[in-house]
Amino acid sequence: MLAGCSTIQSGSSGDKINFTESGQASYYSDKHQNRKTASGALYTHSQKTAAHRSLPFGSNVKVINTSNGKSVIVKINDRGPFVKGRIIDLSKSAFSSIGNISSGLINVKIEVVQ
């Protein structure tokens, strides 16, 4: 079980490039459409955005579905998820580009990229 495992390799400026983590990804429900995120931006299903507990707002994260190898780049603009084993909440469009919405959850590996 890799849920919650992570490694951090910080650059000289203290950024989190190469931070990786493995666990489950979920997606935002329809009730969040057009609501403010923790960063103050409005959430929309069509944007490739995500919530993470601690990565800085504006971080670009590559999310890889470990079952099919598909990946998507998202921008962190919210906080969460706050459910054990889940490491990232994806916008609906980001989730659907790497997995089937009807599954609800997928196993992923995430990596901070430039």
Protein backbone atom coordinates (compact mmCIF):
# COMPACT_ATOMS: atom_id res chain seq x y z
CA MET A 1 0.00 0.00 0.00
CA LEU A 2 1.59 3.26 -1.13
CA ALA A 3 -1.11 5.67 0.01
CA GLY A 4 0.43 8.66 1.67
CA CYS A 5 4.03 7.80 0.79
CA SER A 6 6.09 10.65 -0.57
CA THR A 7 9.59 11.81 -1.31
CA ILE A 8 10.79 15.37 -1.50
CA GLN A 9 13.82 16.60 -3.36
CA SER A 10 13.90 20.36 -3.01
CA GLY A 11 15.84 22.66 -5.28
CA SER A 12 18.10 25.39 -3.99
CA SER A 13 15.23 27.88 -3.76
CA GLY A 14 13.22 25.58 -1.52
CA ASP A 15 10.67 24.76 -4.22
CA LYS A 16 9.11 21.32 -4.41
CA ILE A 17 10.14 20.36 -7.94
CA ASN A 18 10.38 16.54 -8.08
CA PHE A 19 8.07 16.09 -5.06
CA THR A 20 6.22 12.82 -5.67
CA GLU A 21 3.36 11.13 -3.88
CA SER A 22 1.19 8.08 -4.54
CA GLY A 23 -2.38 7.41 -3.46
CA GLN A 24 -5.94 7.94 -4.65
CA ALA A 25 -7.42 10.80 -6.65
CA SER A 26 -11.03 11.88 -6.57
CA TYR A 27 -12.82 14.70 -8.38
CA TYR A 28 -14.99 17.67 -7.47
CA SER A 29 -18.74 17.10 -7.35
CA ASP A 30 -21.10 19.33 -9.31
CA LYS A 31 -22.00 21.33 -6.18
CA HIS A 32 -18.55 22.98 -6.29
CA GLN A 33 -19.05 24.51 -9.75
CA ASN A 34 -18.45 28.30 -9.63
CA ARG A 35 -17.59 28.31 -5.91
CA LYS A 36 -14.46 29.93 -4.53
CA THR A 37 -11.45 27.73 -3.87
CA ALA A 38 -9.02 28.27 -0.99
CA SER A 39 -6.85 30.39 -3.32
CA GLY A 40 -9.82 32.67 -4.11
CA ALA A 41 -10.20 31.44 -7.70
CA LEU A 42 -13.57 30.12 -8.84
CA TYR A 43 -13.74 26.38 -9.45
CA THR A 44 -14.94 25.29 -12.89
CA HIS A 45 -15.14 21.72 -14.17
CA SER A 46 -13.50 22.65 -17.48
CA GLN A 47 -10.20 23.93 -16.04
CA LYS A 48 -7.33 21.56 -15.27
CA THR A 49 -7.03 22.38 -11.55
CA ALA A 50 -6.69 20.43 -8.32
CA ALA A 51 -6.66 20.53 -4.53
CA HIS A 52 -3.72 19.31 -2.45
CA ARG A 53 -3.21 19.56 1.31
CA SER A 54 0.17 21.29 1.28
CA LEU A 55 1.61 22.06 -2.17
CA PRO A 56 1.82 25.81 -2.84
CA PHE A 57 -0.96 27.43 -4.87
CA GLY A 58 0.13 27.73 -8.49
CA SER A 59 2.20 24.53 -8.43
CA ASN A 60 1.96 22.52 -11.64
CA VAL A 61 1.47 18.84 -10.93
CA LYS A 62 1.62 15.89 -13.32
CA VAL A 63 -0.99 13.32 -12.29
CA ILE A 64 -0.47 9.81 -13.66
CA ASN A 65 -3.17 7.13 -13.54
CA THR A 66 -1.16 4.09 -12.44
CA SER A 67 -3.65 1.67 -14.05
CA ASN A 68 -3.49 3.00 -17.62
CA GLY A 69 -0.45 5.32 -17.72
CA LYS A 70 -2.48 8.36 -18.84
CA SER A 71 -1.40 11.69 -17.37
CA VAL A 72 -2.59 15.27 -17.05
CA ILE A 73 -0.96 18.49 -15.81
CA VAL A 74 -3.02 20.44 -13.26
CA LYS A 75 -2.51 23.66 -11.32
CA ILE A 76 -3.01 23.57 -7.54
CA ASN A 77 -5.56 26.21 -6.49
CA ASP A 78 -7.38 24.63 -3.55
CA ARG A 79 -6.85 22.66 -0.32
CA GLY A 80 -7.91 19.08 0.28
CA PRO A 81 -8.77 16.28 0.04
CA PHE A 82 -9.37 15.52 3.68
CA VAL A 83 -10.21 11.83 3.33
CA LYS A 84 -7.66 9.20 4.37
CA GLY A 85 -5.79 7.70 1.41
CA ARG A 86 -6.76 10.44 -1.02
CA ILE A 87 -3.90 12.70 -2.03
CA ILE A 88 -5.45 14.98 -4.65
CA ASP A 89 -8.88 16.20 -5.77
CA LEU A 90 -9.01 16.85 -9.50
CA SER A 91 -11.34 19.01 -11.52
CA LYS A 92 -13.88 16.94 -13.41
CA SER A 93 -12.18 17.56 -16.77
CA ALA A 94 -8.74 16.63 -15.41
CA PHE A 95 -10.08 13.41 -13.87
CA SER A 96 -11.98 12.43 -17.02
CA SER A 97 -8.87 12.91 -19.18
CA ILE A 98 -7.04 10.13 -17.28
CA GLY A 99 -9.85 7.98 -15.87
CA ASN A 100 -13.52 7.10 -16.00
CA ILE A 101 -15.73 9.45 -13.97
CA SER A 102 -18.00 6.54 -13.01
CA SER A 103 -15.14 4.92 -11.08
CA GLY A 104 -15.09 7.83 -8.61
CA LEU A 105 -11.53 7.13 -7.48
CA ILE A 106 -8.33 6.20 -9.28
CA ASN A 107 -4.86 5.26 -8.09
CA VAL A 108 -2.34 7.89 -9.09
CA LYS A 109 1.21 9.09 -8.74
CA ILE A 110 1.73 12.84 -8.66
CA GLU A 111 4.89 14.82 -9.40
CA VAL A 112 5.46 18.56 -9.18
CA VAL A 113 6.76 19.88 -12.52
CA GLN A 114 7.85 23.30 -13.77
